Amino acid sequence: MQNFKEILAKQGAAVQEQGQEARRGAAKISGNEVDYEAGVGRSSTRQSQAKTDLAKAPADQRDAKKQEMKDLSDKAVTELEAAKAAAGEKDGQS
């Protein structure tokens, strides 16, 4: 009877640990989603502002504004690729 109780206690501890690991994993994923959404929102806001500035810019300043929009787009792509790489590294380390 003592062995049976020990086995149940060990299994209960293992199940509890698995539950904690699952909660940690879910929190990590949720945090990554929040980071992604915040990054996309900032990028989108910057792009919208640059587009508005371009529309309002005098003709002699439009080339500079177009370059600014291109730079923002390139930066967004670079940041997204870096985030994907970081997420892949984090997932591989878990």
N, C-alpha and C. Protein backbone atom coordinates (compact mmCIF):
# COMPACT_ATOMS: atom_id res chain seq x y z
N MET A 1 0.82 -1.20 0.00
CA MET A 1 0.00 0.00 0.00
C MET A 1 0.87 1.26 0.00
N GLN A 2 2.00 1.21 0.68
CA GLN A 2 2.89 2.36 0.73
C GLN A 2 3.43 2.69 -0.66
N ASN A 3 3.79 1.67 -1.44
CA ASN A 3 4.30 1.89 -2.79
C ASN A 3 3.24 2.55 -3.67
N PHE A 4 2.00 2.13 -3.52
CA PHE A 4 0.91 2.70 -4.30
C PHE A 4 0.77 4.19 -4.00
N LYS A 5 0.86 4.58 -2.74
CA LYS A 5 0.74 5.98 -2.36
C LYS A 5 1.93 6.78 -2.90
N GLU A 6 3.10 6.19 -2.88
CA GLU A 6 4.29 6.87 -3.40
C GLU A 6 4.17 7.09 -4.91
N ILE A 7 3.66 6.08 -5.59
CA ILE A 7 3.49 6.20 -7.05
C ILE A 7 2.49 7.29 -7.37
N LEU A 8 1.38 7.32 -6.65
CA LEU A 8 0.37 8.37 -6.87
C LEU A 8 0.94 9.75 -6.57
N ALA A 9 1.74 9.87 -5.53
CA ALA A 9 2.33 11.16 -5.17
C ALA A 9 3.29 11.62 -6.27
N LYS A 10 4.10 10.70 -6.79
CA LYS A 10 5.04 11.05 -7.87
C LYS A 10 4.30 11.45 -9.13
N GLN A 11 3.24 10.71 -9.47
CA GLN A 11 2.47 11.04 -10.66
C GLN A 11 1.78 12.38 -10.51
N GLY A 12 1.26 12.65 -9.32
CA GLY A 12 0.61 13.93 -9.06
C GLY A 12 1.59 15.09 -9.22
N ALA A 13 2.81 14.91 -8.73
CA ALA A 13 3.83 15.96 -8.86
C ALA A 13 4.20 16.16 -10.32
N ALA A 14 4.29 15.07 -11.08
CA ALA A 14 4.63 15.16 -12.51
C ALA A 14 3.54 15.88 -13.28
N VAL A 15 2.30 15.57 -12.99
CA VAL A 15 1.18 16.23 -13.66
C VAL A 15 1.15 17.72 -13.32
N GLN A 16 1.43 18.03 -12.08
CA GLN A 16 1.44 19.43 -11.65
C GLN A 16 2.55 20.19 -12.38
N GLU A 17 3.72 19.58 -12.52
CA GLU A 17 4.84 20.21 -13.22
C GLU A 17 4.49 20.42 -14.69
N GLN A 18 3.85 19.47 -15.31
CA GLN A 18 3.44 19.60 -16.71
C GLN A 18 2.46 20.77 -16.87
N GLY A 19 1.56 20.90 -15.94
CA GLY A 19 0.60 22.01 -15.98
C GLY A 19 1.30 23.36 -15.87
N GLN A 20 2.30 23.44 -14.99
CA GLN A 20 3.04 24.68 -14.83
C GLN A 20 3.82 25.00 -16.10
N GLU A 21 4.44 23.99 -16.72
CA GLU A 21 5.18 24.21 -17.96
C GLU A 21 4.24 24.69 -19.07
N ALA A 22 3.04 24.11 -19.13
CA ALA A 22 2.07 24.53 -20.15
C ALA A 22 1.66 25.98 -19.93
N ARG A 23 1.46 26.39 -18.68
CA ARG A 23 1.10 27.78 -18.39
C ARG A 23 2.24 28.73 -18.75
N ARG A 24 3.48 28.34 -18.46
CA ARG A 24 4.62 29.18 -18.82
C ARG A 24 4.72 29.32 -20.34
N GLY A 25 4.50 28.23 -21.06
CA GLY A 25 4.54 28.28 -22.53
C GLY A 25 3.45 29.17 -23.09
N ALA A 26 2.27 29.09 -22.53
CA ALA A 26 1.15 29.93 -23.00
C ALA A 26 1.44 31.40 -22.72
N ALA A 27 2.02 31.70 -21.57
CA ALA A 27 2.35 33.09 -21.24
C ALA A 27 3.42 33.62 -22.19
N LYS A 28 4.38 32.79 -22.53
CA LYS A 28 5.44 33.19 -23.46
C LYS A 28 4.85 33.51 -24.83
N ILE A 29 3.97 32.66 -25.31
CA ILE A 29 3.34 32.89 -26.61
C ILE A 29 2.51 34.17 -26.58
N SER A 30 1.77 34.36 -25.51
CA SER A 30 0.94 35.55 -25.37
C SER A 30 1.81 36.81 -25.38
N GLY A 31 2.93 36.75 -24.68
CA GLY A 31 3.85 37.90 -24.65
C GLY A 31 4.40 38.20 -26.02
N ASN A 32 4.73 37.17 -26.79
CA ASN A 32 5.23 37.37 -28.15
C ASN A 32 4.17 38.00 -29.04
N GLU A 33 2.93 37.58 -28.87
CA GLU A 33 1.84 38.15 -29.67
C GLU A 33 1.65 39.63 -29.35
N VAL A 34 1.74 39.98 -28.09
CA VAL A 34 1.60 41.37 -27.68
C VAL A 34 2.73 42.21 -28.27
N ASP A 35 3.97 41.68 -28.21
CA ASP A 35 5.11 42.39 -28.79
C ASP A 35 4.92 42.59 -30.29
N TYR A 36 4.45 41.56 -30.96
CA TYR A 36 4.23 41.63 -32.41
C TYR A 36 3.19 42.70 -32.74
N GLU A 37 2.06 42.64 -32.05
CA GLU A 37 0.99 43.60 -32.30
C GLU A 37 1.45 45.03 -32.05
N ALA A 38 2.21 45.23 -30.99
CA ALA A 38 2.72 46.58 -30.68
C ALA A 38 3.67 47.05 -31.78
N GLY A 39 4.53 46.18 -32.25
CA GLY A 39 5.46 46.53 -33.32
C GLY A 39 4.75 46.86 -34.61
N VAL A 40 3.76 46.06 -34.95
CA VAL A 40 2.99 46.31 -36.17
C VAL A 40 2.24 47.63 -36.06
N GLY A 41 1.69 47.89 -34.91
CA GLY A 41 0.96 49.14 -34.70
C GLY A 41 1.85 50.36 -34.85
N ARG A 42 3.05 50.30 -34.25
CA ARG A 42 3.98 51.42 -34.37
C ARG A 42 4.39 51.63 -35.82
N SER A 43 4.69 50.54 -36.50
CA SER A 43 5.12 50.63 -37.90
C SER A 43 3.99 51.20 -38.76
N SER A 44 2.79 50.72 -38.54
CA SER A 44 1.65 51.20 -39.30
C SER A 44 1.40 52.69 -39.06
N THR A 45 1.54 53.12 -37.83
CA THR A 45 1.35 54.53 -37.49
C THR A 45 2.40 55.39 -38.19
N ARG A 46 3.65 54.93 -38.15
CA ARG A 46 4.72 55.69 -38.81
C ARG A 46 4.47 55.78 -40.31
N GLN A 47 4.06 54.66 -40.90
CA GLN A 47 3.79 54.64 -42.34
C GLN A 47 2.65 55.60 -42.69
N SER A 48 1.60 55.58 -41.90
CA SER A 48 0.45 56.47 -42.14
C SER A 48 0.87 57.93 -42.05
N GLN A 49 1.67 58.24 -41.05
CA GLN A 49 2.13 59.62 -40.87
C GLN A 49 3.01 60.04 -42.05
N ALA A 50 3.90 59.16 -42.49
CA ALA A 50 4.76 59.47 -43.62
C ALA A 50 3.94 59.68 -44.90
N LYS A 51 2.91 58.87 -45.07
CA LYS A 51 2.04 59.01 -46.25
C LYS A 51 1.29 60.35 -46.21
N THR A 52 0.81 60.73 -45.04
CA THR A 52 0.14 62.01 -44.87
C THR A 52 1.10 63.16 -45.15
N ASP A 53 2.33 63.05 -44.61
CA ASP A 53 3.33 64.08 -44.84
C ASP A 53 3.66 64.21 -46.32
N LEU A 54 3.74 63.07 -47.01
CA LEU A 54 4.01 63.08 -48.45
C LEU A 54 2.91 63.82 -49.20
N ALA A 55 1.69 63.56 -48.86
CA ALA A 55 0.56 64.20 -49.54
C ALA A 55 0.55 65.70 -49.32
N LYS A 56 0.99 66.15 -48.16
CA LYS A 56 0.98 67.58 -47.83
C LYS A 56 2.26 68.30 -48.26
N ALA A 57 3.28 67.55 -48.62
CA ALA A 57 4.58 68.14 -48.91
C ALA A 57 4.57 68.92 -50.22
N PRO A 58 5.30 70.03 -50.24
CA PRO A 58 5.47 70.75 -51.49
C PRO A 58 6.22 69.87 -52.50
N ALA A 59 6.08 70.17 -53.76
CA ALA A 59 6.67 69.34 -54.82
C ALA A 59 8.17 69.14 -54.65
N ASP A 60 8.87 70.15 -54.19
CA ASP A 60 10.33 70.04 -54.06
C ASP A 60 10.75 69.15 -52.88
N GLN A 61 9.82 68.78 -52.00
CA GLN A 61 10.15 67.93 -50.85
C GLN A 61 9.61 66.50 -50.99
N ARG A 62 8.91 66.24 -52.06
CA ARG A 62 8.27 64.92 -52.21
C ARG A 62 9.26 63.78 -52.36
N ASP A 63 10.36 64.01 -53.07
CA ASP A 63 11.36 62.95 -53.23
C ASP A 63 11.92 62.52 -51.87
N ALA A 64 12.18 63.49 -51.01
CA ALA A 64 12.69 63.18 -49.67
C ALA A 64 11.64 62.41 -48.86
N LYS A 65 10.38 62.79 -49.00
CA LYS A 65 9.31 62.10 -48.28
C LYS A 65 9.12 60.67 -48.81
N LYS A 66 9.25 60.50 -50.12
CA LYS A 66 9.17 59.15 -50.70
C LYS A 66 10.30 58.28 -50.17
N GLN A 67 11.48 58.86 -50.06
CA GLN A 67 12.62 58.11 -49.53
C GLN A 67 12.37 57.74 -48.06
N GLU A 68 11.78 58.66 -47.33
CA GLU A 68 11.46 58.39 -45.92
C GLU A 68 10.48 57.21 -45.81
N MET A 69 9.47 57.19 -46.69
CA MET A 69 8.51 56.07 -46.68
C MET A 69 9.21 54.75 -47.01
N LYS A 70 10.11 54.78 -47.99
CA LYS A 70 10.85 53.57 -48.37
C LYS A 70 11.71 53.10 -47.20
N ASP A 71 12.38 54.04 -46.53
CA ASP A 71 13.21 53.69 -45.38
C ASP A 71 12.39 53.06 -44.26
N LEU A 72 11.20 53.61 -44.01
CA LEU A 72 10.32 53.04 -42.99
C LEU A 72 9.88 51.63 -43.36
N SER A 73 9.57 51.42 -44.62
CA SER A 73 9.16 50.09 -45.09
C SER A 73 10.31 49.10 -44.93
N ASP A 74 11.50 49.51 -45.33
CA ASP A 74 12.67 48.64 -45.21
C ASP A 74 12.95 48.30 -43.75
N LYS A 75 12.80 49.31 -42.88
CA LYS A 75 13.03 49.08 -41.45
C LYS A 75 12.01 48.10 -40.88
N ALA A 76 10.75 48.23 -41.30
CA ALA A 76 9.70 47.32 -40.82
C ALA A 76 10.01 45.88 -41.24
N VAL A 77 10.44 45.70 -42.48
CA VAL A 77 10.78 44.36 -42.96
C VAL A 77 11.96 43.80 -42.17
N THR A 78 12.98 44.62 -41.97
CA THR A 78 14.16 44.17 -41.22
C THR A 78 13.79 43.77 -39.80
N GLU A 79 12.96 44.58 -39.14
CA GLU A 79 12.54 44.27 -37.78
C GLU A 79 11.71 43.00 -37.72
N LEU A 80 10.85 42.79 -38.71
CA LEU A 80 10.04 41.59 -38.75
C LEU A 80 10.92 40.35 -38.92
N GLU A 81 11.88 40.44 -39.82
CA GLU A 81 12.79 39.30 -40.03
C GLU A 81 13.61 39.02 -38.79
N ALA A 82 14.05 40.06 -38.10
CA ALA A 82 14.81 39.88 -36.86
C ALA A 82 13.94 39.24 -35.79
N ALA A 83 12.68 39.66 -35.72
CA ALA A 83 11.76 39.08 -34.73
C ALA A 83 11.50 37.61 -35.03
N LYS A 84 11.35 37.27 -36.32
CA LYS A 84 11.15 35.87 -36.69
C LYS A 84 12.35 35.04 -36.30
N ALA A 85 13.54 35.57 -36.56
CA ALA A 85 14.77 34.84 -36.21
C ALA A 85 14.87 34.66 -34.70
N ALA A 86 14.56 35.72 -33.95
CA ALA A 86 14.62 35.63 -32.49
C ALA A 86 13.59 34.65 -31.95
N ALA A 87 12.41 34.64 -32.54
CA ALA A 87 11.37 33.71 -32.09
C ALA A 87 11.80 32.28 -32.37
N GLY A 88 12.44 32.06 -33.50
CA GLY A 88 12.93 30.72 -33.84
C GLY A 88 14.01 30.27 -32.87
N GLU A 89 14.89 31.20 -32.49
CA GLU A 89 15.95 30.88 -31.54
C GLU A 89 15.35 30.57 -30.17
N LYS A 90 14.40 31.37 -29.72
CA LYS A 90 13.77 31.14 -28.43
C LYS A 90 13.05 29.80 -28.40
N ASP A 91 12.32 29.51 -29.48
CA ASP A 91 11.58 28.26 -29.54
C ASP A 91 12.53 27.07 -29.51
N GLY A 92 13.67 27.22 -30.15
CA GLY A 92 14.65 26.13 -30.18
C GLY A 92 15.32 25.91 -28.84
N GLN A 93 15.39 26.96 -28.03
CA GLN A 93 16.06 26.86 -26.73
C GLN A 93 15.16 26.28 -25.66
N SER A 94 13.84 26.36 -25.84
CA SER A 94 12.89 25.91 -24.81
C SER A 94 12.99 24.43 -24.59
